[in-house]
C-alpha atoms as a PDB file:
ATOM      1  CA  UNK A   1       9.595  44.204  11.957  1.00  0.00           C
ATOM      2  CA  UNK A   2       7.535  43.316  15.473  1.00  0.00           C
ATOM      3  CA  UNK A   3       6.546  40.145  14.262  1.00  0.00           C
ATOM      4  CA  UNK A   4       6.432  37.394  17.149  1.00  0.00           C
ATOM      5  CA  UNK A   5       5.408  34.362  15.473  1.00  0.00           C
ATOM      6  CA  UNK A   6       5.935  32.646  11.662  1.00  0.00           C
ATOM      7  CA  UNK A   7       3.456  30.460   9.942  1.00  0.00           C
ATOM      8  CA  UNK A   8       4.516  28.019   7.353  1.00  0.00           C
ATOM      9  CA  UNK A   9       1.140  28.089   5.738  1.00  0.00           C
ATOM     10  CA  UNK A  10       1.940  25.130   3.524  1.00  0.00           C
ATOM     11  CA  UNK A  11      -1.167  22.626   3.840  1.00  0.00           C
ATOM     12  CA  UNK A  12       1.231  19.787   4.563  1.00  0.00           C
ATOM     13  CA  UNK A  13       4.435  21.121   6.162  1.00  0.00           C
ATOM     14  CA  UNK A  14       6.216  17.627   6.638  1.00  0.00           C
ATOM     15  CA  UNK A  15       5.582  15.823   3.604  1.00  0.00           C
ATOM     16  CA  UNK A  16       9.140  15.894   3.296  1.00  0.00           C
ATOM     17  CA  UNK A  17      10.977  14.952   6.322  1.00  0.00           C
ATOM     18  CA  UNK A  18      14.203  16.266   4.880  1.00  0.00           C
ATOM     19  CA  UNK A  19      12.989  19.292   4.529  1.00  0.00           C
ATOM     20  CA  UNK A  20      11.276  19.756   7.614  1.00  0.00           C
ATOM     21  CA  UNK A  21      14.759  18.256   9.402  1.00  0.00           C
ATOM     22  CA  UNK A  22      16.724  20.826   6.855  1.00  0.00           C
ATOM     23  CA  UNK A  23      14.680  24.018   8.337  1.00  0.00           C
ATOM     24  CA  UNK A  24      14.848  22.945  11.720  1.00  0.00           C
ATOM     25  CA  UNK A  25      18.491  22.616  11.709  1.00  0.00           C
ATOM     26  CA  UNK A  26      19.170  25.844  10.102  1.00  0.00           C
ATOM     27  CA  UNK A  27      17.125  27.781  12.719  1.00  0.00           C
ATOM     28  CA  UNK A  28      19.199  25.930  15.568  1.00  0.00           C
ATOM     29  CA  UNK A  29      22.445  26.640  13.567  1.00  0.00           C
ATOM     30  CA  UNK A  30      21.607  30.252  12.938  1.00  0.00           C
ATOM     31  CA  UNK A  31      20.649  30.868  16.471  1.00  0.00           C
ATOM     32  CA  UNK A  32      17.249  32.476  15.422  1.00  0.00           C
ATOM     33  CA  UNK A  33      15.288  32.920  18.527  1.00  0.00           C
ATOM     34  CA  UNK A  34      11.769  32.457  16.602  1.00  0.00           C
ATOM     35  CA  UNK A  35       8.363  30.650  17.454  1.00  0.00           C
ATOM     36  CA  UNK A  36       6.259  29.174  14.522  1.00  0.00           C
ATOM     37  CA  UNK A  37       3.636  27.284  13.749  1.00  0.00           C
ATOM     38  CA  UNK A  38       2.678  24.535  10.675  1.00  0.00           C
ATOM     39  CA  UNK A  39       0.022  22.137   9.149  1.00  0.00           C
ATOM     40  CA  UNK A  40       1.006  18.355   9.330  1.00  0.00           C
ATOM     41  CA  UNK A  41      -0.416  15.281   9.378  1.00  0.00           C
ATOM     42  CA  UNK A  42      -0.365  12.717  11.650  1.00  0.00           C
ATOM     43  CA  UNK A  43       0.772   9.793   9.562  1.00  0.00           C
ATOM     44  CA  UNK A  44       3.979  11.655   8.701  1.00  0.00           C
ATOM     45  CA  UNK A  45       5.402  12.955  12.187  1.00  0.00           C
ATOM     46  CA  UNK A  46       7.415  10.692  14.491  1.00  0.00           C
ATOM     47  CA  UNK A  47       8.606  11.610  18.140  1.00  0.00           C
ATOM     48  CA  UNK A  48      12.202  12.301  16.530  1.00  0.00           C
ATOM     49  CA  UNK A  49      11.159  14.683  14.453  1.00  0.00           C
ATOM     50  CA  UNK A  50       8.744  16.824  16.604  1.00  0.00           C
ATOM     51  CA  UNK A  51      11.517  16.938  19.439  1.00  0.00           C
ATOM     52  CA  UNK A  52      13.683  18.677  16.527  1.00  0.00           C
ATOM     53  CA  UNK A  53      10.715  20.691  15.637  1.00  0.00           C
ATOM     54  CA  UNK A  54      10.213  21.650  18.993  1.00  0.00           C
ATOM     55  CA  UNK A  55      13.914  22.481  19.566  1.00  0.00           C
ATOM     56  CA  UNK A  56      13.402  24.554  16.436  1.00  0.00           C
ATOM     57  CA  UNK A  57      11.069  26.602  17.773  1.00  0.00           C
ATOM     58  CA  UNK A  58       7.606  25.096  16.659  1.00  0.00           C
ATOM     59  CA  UNK A  59       4.854  25.926  19.470  1.00  0.00           C
ATOM     60  CA  UNK A  60       1.817  24.719  17.559  1.00  0.00           C
ATOM     61  CA  UNK A  61       1.199  22.119  14.805  1.00  0.00           C
ATOM     62  CA  UNK A  62      -2.181  21.635  13.014  1.00  0.00           C
ATOM     63  CA  UNK A  63      -3.295  18.371  12.179  1.00  0.00           C
ATOM     64  CA  UNK A  64      -6.201  17.316   9.559  1.00  0.00           C
ATOM     65  CA  UNK A  65      -8.277  14.838  11.663  1.00  0.00           C
ATOM     66  CA  UNK A  66     -10.941  15.131   9.632  1.00  0.00           C
ATOM     67  CA  UNK A  67     -13.415  12.145  11.205  1.00  0.00           C
ATOM     68  CA  UNK A  68     -13.393   9.710  13.646  1.00  0.00           C
ATOM     69  CA  UNK A  69     -14.809   7.232  11.194  1.00  0.00           C
ATOM     70  CA  UNK A  70     -12.581   4.889   9.338  1.00  0.00           C
ATOM     71  CA  UNK A  71     -14.997   4.600   6.848  1.00  0.00           C
ATOM     72  CA  UNK A  72     -15.392   8.434   6.096  1.00  0.00           C
ATOM     73  CA  UNK A  73     -11.470   8.502   6.434  1.00  0.00           C
ATOM     74  CA  UNK A  74     -11.571   5.991   3.547  1.00  0.00           C
ATOM     75  CA  UNK A  75     -14.004   7.570   1.232  1.00  0.00           C
ATOM     76  CA  UNK A  76     -11.967  10.837   1.716  1.00  0.00           C
ATOM     77  CA  UNK A  77      -8.696   9.116   0.611  1.00  0.00           C
ATOM     78  CA  UNK A  78      -7.338  10.488   3.528  1.00  0.00           C
ATOM     79  CA  UNK A  79      -5.407   6.980   4.581  1.00  0.00           C
ATOM     80  CA  UNK A  80      -2.419   7.386   2.509  1.00  0.00           C
ATOM     81  CA  UNK A  81      -0.234   4.686   4.376  1.00  0.00           C
ATOM     82  CA  UNK A  82      -2.989   2.505   5.494  1.00  0.00           C
ATOM     83  CA  UNK A  83      -2.749   3.030   9.003  1.00  0.00           C
ATOM     84  CA  UNK A  84      -4.994   3.028  11.816  1.00  0.00           C
ATOM     85  CA  UNK A  85      -6.590   6.377  11.782  1.00  0.00           C
ATOM     86  CA  UNK A  86      -7.471   6.357  15.151  1.00  0.00           C
ATOM     87  CA  UNK A  87      -4.514   4.685  16.674  1.00  0.00           C
ATOM     88  CA  UNK A  88      -2.227   7.042  14.693  1.00  0.00           C
ATOM     89  CA  UNK A  89      -3.914  10.467  15.804  1.00  0.00           C
ATOM     90  CA  UNK A  90      -3.983   9.681  19.233  1.00  0.00           C
ATOM     91  CA  UNK A  91      -0.121   8.778  18.987  1.00  0.00           C
ATOM     92  CA  UNK A  92       0.695  12.157  17.440  1.00  0.00           C
ATOM     93  CA  UNK A  93      -1.158  14.216  20.063  1.00  0.00           C
ATOM     94  CA  UNK A  94      -0.067  12.128  22.921  1.00  0.00           C
ATOM     95  CA  UNK A  95       3.616  13.104  21.675  1.00  0.00           C
ATOM     96  CA  UNK A  96       3.030  16.580  20.916  1.00  0.00           C
ATOM     97  CA  UNK A  97       1.613  16.962  24.763  1.00  0.00           C
ATOM     98  CA  UNK A  98       4.866  14.973  25.815  1.00  0.00           C
ATOM     99  CA  UNK A  99       6.920  17.389  24.197  1.00  0.00           C
ATOM    100  CA  UNK A 100       4.892  20.662  25.043  1.00  0.00           C
ATOM    101  CA  UNK A 101       3.859  21.720  21.504  1.00  0.00           C
ATOM    102  CA  UNK A 102       0.487  22.801  21.364  1.00  0.00           C
ATOM    103  CA  UNK A 103      -2.339  21.389  18.619  1.00  0.00           C
ATOM    104  CA  UNK A 104      -5.300  22.356  16.773  1.00  0.00           C
ATOM    105  CA  UNK A 105      -7.223  19.387  15.516  1.00  0.00           C
ATOM    106  CA  UNK A 106      -9.264  20.034  12.411  1.00  0.00           C
ATOM    107  CA  UNK A 107     -12.533  18.258  11.392  1.00  0.00           C
ATOM    108  CA  UNK A 108     -15.095  17.766   8.761  1.00  0.00           C
ATOM    109  CA  UNK A 109     -18.582  17.434   9.304  1.00  0.00           C
ATOM    110  CA  UNK A 110     -20.987  16.488   6.509  1.00  0.00           C
ATOM    111  CA  UNK A 111     -18.864  14.284   4.812  1.00  0.00           C
ATOM    112  CA  UNK A 112     -20.338  12.248   1.518  1.00  0.00           C
ATOM    113  CA  UNK A 113     -22.812   9.759   2.949  1.00  0.00           C
ATOM    114  CA  UNK A 114     -21.954  10.520   6.440  1.00  0.00           C
ATOM    115  CA  UNK A 115     -24.297   9.866   9.492  1.00  0.00           C
ATOM    116  CA  UNK A 116     -25.113  11.440  12.842  1.00  0.00           C
ATOM    117  CA  UNK A 117     -23.633   8.420  14.410  1.00  0.00           C
ATOM    118  CA  UNK A 118     -20.370   8.950  12.471  1.00  0.00           C
ATOM    119  CA  UNK A 119     -20.511  12.487  13.613  1.00  0.00           C
ATOM    120  CA  UNK A 120     -20.534  11.142  17.396  1.00  0.00           C
ATOM    121  CA  UNK A 121     -17.930   9.143  16.638  1.00  0.00           C
ATOM    122  CA  UNK A 122     -15.792  12.112  15.747  1.00  0.00           C
ATOM    123  CA  UNK A 123     -16.931  14.209  18.776  1.00  0.00           C
ATOM    124  CA  UNK A 124     -15.634  10.985  20.549  1.00  0.00           C
ATOM    125  CA  UNK A 125     -12.197  10.869  18.933  1.00  0.00           C
ATOM    126  CA  UNK A 126     -11.790  14.519  19.685  1.00  0.00           C
ATOM    127  CA  UNK A 127     -12.230  14.472  23.281  1.00  0.00           C
ATOM    128  CA  UNK A 128      -9.801  11.787  23.513  1.00  0.00           C
ATOM    129  CA  UNK A 129      -7.293  13.664  21.592  1.00  0.00           C
ATOM    130  CA  UNK A 130      -7.409  16.567  23.923  1.00  0.00           C
ATOM    131  CA  UNK A 131      -6.437  19.295  21.431  1.00  0.00           C
ATOM    132  CA  UNK A 132      -5.595  22.772  22.688  1.00  0.00           C
ATOM    133  CA  UNK A 133      -7.636  24.212  19.843  1.00  0.00           C
ATOM    134  CA  UNK A 134     -10.142  22.550  17.246  1.00  0.00           C
ATOM    135  CA  UNK A 135     -11.348  23.801  14.182  1.00  0.00           C
ATOM    136  CA  UNK A 136     -14.753  22.124  12.570  1.00  0.00           C
ATOM    137  CA  UNK A 137     -15.367  22.613   9.126  1.00  0.00           C
ATOM    138  CA  UNK A 138     -18.236  21.868   6.515  1.00  0.00           C
ATOM    139  CA  UNK A 139     -17.609  19.314   3.543  1.00  0.00           C
ATOM    140  CA  UNK A 140     -17.260  21.538   0.532  1.00  0.00           C
ATOM    141  CA  UNK A 141     -17.144  20.409  -3.168  1.00  0.00           C
ATOM    142  CA  UNK A 142     -14.581  22.888  -4.467  1.00  0.00           C
ATOM    143  CA  UNK A 143     -13.576  22.901  -8.224  1.00  0.00           C
ATOM    144  CA  UNK A 144     -10.672  21.006  -8.902  1.00  0.00           C
ATOM    145  CA  UNK A 145     -11.788  18.326  -6.049  1.00  0.00           C
ATOM    146  CA  UNK A 146     -12.698  14.579  -7.631  1.00  0.00           C
ATOM    147  CA  UNK A 147     -15.914  14.775  -5.977  1.00  0.00           C
ATOM    148  CA  UNK A 148     -16.632  18.008  -7.859  1.00  0.00           C
ATOM    149  CA  UNK A 149     -16.713  15.880 -10.976  1.00  0.00           C
ATOM    150  CA  UNK A 150     -19.449  14.186  -9.790  1.00  0.00           C
ATOM    151  CA  UNK A 151     -21.853  16.926  -8.702  1.00  0.00           C
ATOM    152  CA  UNK A 152     -20.559  19.898 -11.144  1.00  0.00           C
ATOM    153  CA  UNK A 153     -24.113  19.770 -12.869  1.00  0.00           C
ATOM    154  CA  UNK A 154     -25.736  20.407  -9.784  1.00  0.00           C
ATOM    155  CA  UNK A 155     -23.797  23.558  -8.764  1.00  0.00           C
ATOM    156  CA  UNK A 156     -24.778  26.826 -10.114  1.00  0.00           C
ATOM    157  CA  UNK A 157     -22.497  29.958 -10.507  1.00  0.00           C
ATOM    158  CA  UNK A 158     -24.008  31.480  -7.403  1.00  0.00           C
ATOM    159  CA  UNK A 159     -23.620  28.339  -5.227  1.00  0.00           C
ATOM    160  CA  UNK A 160     -19.840  28.195  -6.240  1.00  0.00           C
ATOM    161  CA  UNK A 161     -19.070  31.840  -5.629  1.00  0.00           C
ATOM    162  CA  UNK A 162     -20.947  31.610  -2.080  1.00  0.00           C
ATOM    163  CA  UNK A 163     -19.347  27.985  -1.253  1.00  0.00           C
ATOM    164  CA  UNK A 164     -16.925  28.323   2.057  1.00  0.00           C
ATOM    165  CA  UNK A 165     -16.060  25.527   4.300  1.00  0.00           C
ATOM    166  CA  UNK A 166     -17.429  27.726   7.086  1.00  0.00           C
ATOM    167  CA  UNK A 167     -20.667  28.387   5.844  1.00  0.00           C
ATOM    168  CA  UNK A 168     -23.511  25.877   5.355  1.00  0.00           C
ATOM    169  CA  UNK A 169     -22.899  23.607   2.531  1.00  0.00           C
ATOM    170  CA  UNK A 170     -24.552  24.764  -0.983  1.00  0.00           C
ATOM    171  CA  UNK A 171     -24.925  21.371  -1.754  1.00  0.00           C
ATOM    172  CA  UNK A 172     -25.333  18.888   1.159  1.00  0.00           C
ATOM    173  CA  UNK A 173     -24.050  15.001   0.390  1.00  0.00           C
ATOM    174  CA  UNK A 174     -23.987  13.679   3.838  1.00  0.00           C
ATOM    175  CA  UNK A 175     -27.253  11.775   5.199  1.00  0.00           C
ATOM    176  CA  UNK A 176     -27.632  14.729   7.789  1.00  0.00           C
ATOM    177  CA  UNK A 177     -29.879  17.834   7.132  1.00  0.00           C
ATOM    178  CA  UNK A 178     -27.898  20.660   6.028  1.00  0.00           C
ATOM    179  CA  UNK A 179     -29.673  22.896   8.611  1.00  0.00           C
ATOM    180  CA  UNK A 180     -28.927  20.292  11.274  1.00  0.00           C
ATOM    181  CA  UNK A 181     -25.319  20.514  10.609  1.00  0.00           C
ATOM    182  CA  UNK A 182     -25.019  23.723  12.057  1.00  0.00           C
ATOM    183  CA  UNK A 183     -26.578  22.353  15.318  1.00  0.00           C
ATOM    184  CA  UNK A 184     -24.140  19.365  15.388  1.00  0.00           C
ATOM    185  CA  UNK A 185     -21.227  22.051  15.012  1.00  0.00           C
ATOM    186  CA  UNK A 186     -22.401  24.210  17.897  1.00  0.00           C
ATOM    187  CA  UNK A 187     -22.592  20.691  19.819  1.00  0.00           C
ATOM    188  CA  UNK A 188     -19.106  19.629  18.919  1.00  0.00           C
ATOM    189  CA  UNK A 189     -17.666  22.803  20.176  1.00  0.00           C
ATOM    190  CA  UNK A 190     -19.347  22.707  23.201  1.00  0.00           C
ATOM    191  CA  UNK A 191     -18.557  19.080  24.003  1.00  0.00           C
ATOM    192  CA  UNK A 192     -15.208  20.173  24.108  1.00  0.00           C
ATOM    193  CA  UNK A 193     -14.716  23.959  24.895  1.00  0.00           C
ATOM    194  CA  UNK A 194     -16.975  23.595  27.850  1.00  0.00           C
ATOM    195  CA  UNK A 195     -15.714  20.357  29.316  1.00  0.00           C
ATOM    196  CA  UNK A 196     -14.648  21.335  32.741  1.00  0.00           C
ATOM    197  CA  UNK A 197     -11.142  19.957  32.569  1.00  0.00           C
ATOM    198  CA  UNK A 198     -10.660  21.535  29.414  1.00  0.00           C
ATOM    199  CA  UNK A 199     -11.940  24.995  30.573  1.00  0.00           C
ATOM    200  CA  UNK A 200      -9.208  24.749  33.563  1.00  0.00           C
ATOM    201  CA  UNK A 201      -6.343  23.655  31.614  1.00  0.00           C
ATOM    202  CA  UNK A 202      -7.142  25.687  28.359  1.00  0.00           C
ATOM    203  CA  UNK A 203      -7.304  29.094  30.189  1.00  0.00           C
ATOM    204  CA  UNK A 204      -4.487  28.474  32.529  1.00  0.00           C
ATOM    205  CA  UNK A 205      -2.372  28.451  29.447  1.00  0.00           C
ATOM    206  CA  UNK A 206      -4.242  30.887  27.312  1.00  0.00           C
ATOM    207  CA  UNK A 207      -6.063  33.261  29.437  1.00  0.00           C
ATOM    208  CA  UNK A 208      -3.558  36.148  28.338  1.00  0.00           C
ATOM    209  CA  UNK A 209      -4.500  35.792  24.820  1.00  0.00           C
ATOM    210  CA  UNK A 210      -8.132  35.842  25.312  1.00  0.00           C
ATOM    211  CA  UNK A 211      -7.554  39.147  27.470  1.00  0.00           C
ATOM    212  CA  UNK A 212      -5.783  40.551  24.729  1.00  0.00           C
ATOM    213  CA  UNK A 213      -7.773  38.904  21.730  1.00  0.00           C
ATOM    214  CA  UNK A 214     -11.517  39.820  23.066  1.00  0.00           C
ATOM    215  CA  UNK A 215     -12.994  39.531  19.463  1.00  0.00           C
ATOM    216  CA  UNK A 216     -11.409  35.849  19.277  1.00  0.00           C
ATOM    217  CA  UNK A 217     -13.199  34.826  22.661  1.00  0.00           C
ATOM    218  CA  UNK A 218     -16.397  36.585  21.201  1.00  0.00           C
ATOM    219  CA  UNK A 219     -16.178  34.791  17.914  1.00  0.00           C
ATOM    220  CA  UNK A 220     -15.443  31.417  19.845  1.00  0.00           C
ATOM    221  CA  UNK A 221     -18.652  32.111  22.113  1.00  0.00           C
ATOM    222  CA  UNK A 222     -20.670  32.585  18.857  1.00  0.00           C
ATOM    223  CA  UNK A 223     -19.521  29.227  17.561  1.00  0.00           C
ATOM    224  CA  UNK A 224     -20.584  27.218  20.579  1.00  0.00           C
ATOM    225  CA  UNK A 225     -23.908  28.995  20.230  1.00  0.00           C
ATOM    226  CA  UNK A 226     -23.717  31.752  22.820  1.00  0.00           C
ATOM    227  CA  UNK A 227     -25.720  33.883  23.054  1.00  0.00           C
ATOM    228  CA  UNK A 228     -28.070  31.879  21.632  1.00  0.00           C
ATOM    229  CA  UNK A 229     -29.058  28.619  23.035  1.00  0.00           C
ATOM    230  CA  UNK A 230     -28.525  25.779  20.446  1.00  0.00           C
ATOM    231  CA  UNK A 231     -29.367  22.070  20.785  1.00  0.00           C
ATOM    232  CA  UNK A 232     -28.326  19.130  18.966  1.00  0.00           C
ATOM    233  CA  UNK A 233     -31.732  17.071  19.489  1.00  0.00           C
ATOM    234  CA  UNK A 234     -33.791  19.497  17.606  1.00  0.00           C
ATOM    235  CA  UNK A 235     -36.954  18.586  15.860  1.00  0.00           C
ATOM    236  CA  UNK A 236     -36.426  16.970  12.127  1.00  0.00           C
ATOM    237  CA  UNK A 237     -38.897  18.779   9.704  1.00  0.00           C
ATOM    238  CA  UNK A 238     -38.979  16.161   7.406  1.00  0.00           C
ATOM    239  CA  UNK A 239     -39.782  12.830   9.330  1.00  0.00           C
ATOM    240  CA  UNK A 240     -41.442  14.393  12.674  1.00  0.00           C
ATOM    241  CA  UNK A 241     -38.814  12.813  14.707  1.00  0.00           C
ATOM    242  CA  UNK A 242     -36.289  14.126  17.548  1.00  0.00           C
END
């Protein structure tokens, strides 16, 4: 049917290692020449598992890193196995580069009580991980989540219907002004994508993709603040500081 890649869109494809191994071994045994991508967690993948996934055709893994602050990771209840989150994240990305599986790091900004310094720590971690792609989302209070029960009385029907993790939060629970989060997101993308070493390595690998998908390149430029010039160090209208 002309499909050139398969996406396993499970939020946590590697939750069951036995399940992943079974799929990979079946793909290999059948001799299926397919490429595929999946979502995973850095605290679930081992080097041996990633090698098997690569052999079975895996070309990209998306990891929800969320934050470079251990405090925020704990607030999000992300660290299920009580590991050093920064070190565990670094190891997973190191394994992926060694095996030649591309990576996409997913981050959240505007987390509960999050400060600008903690976002800076997240940006620092992103640069250390050296992912092939990143996605930066705003913390969003979706119905059904634990934090929703705390703030549901502040969320009207109109706000609920408008909520989306790429949009400015309808209810900001961080320590950062909501409007400033937009500038920080643009700054975040710039710090990774406009790094000379990243530009050279990334576009050598993906130049044909961008030439064939001009709309993707355009949207990327919009995210990092082009054609508008967006700076993080803007004037804070609430306290008159920069």
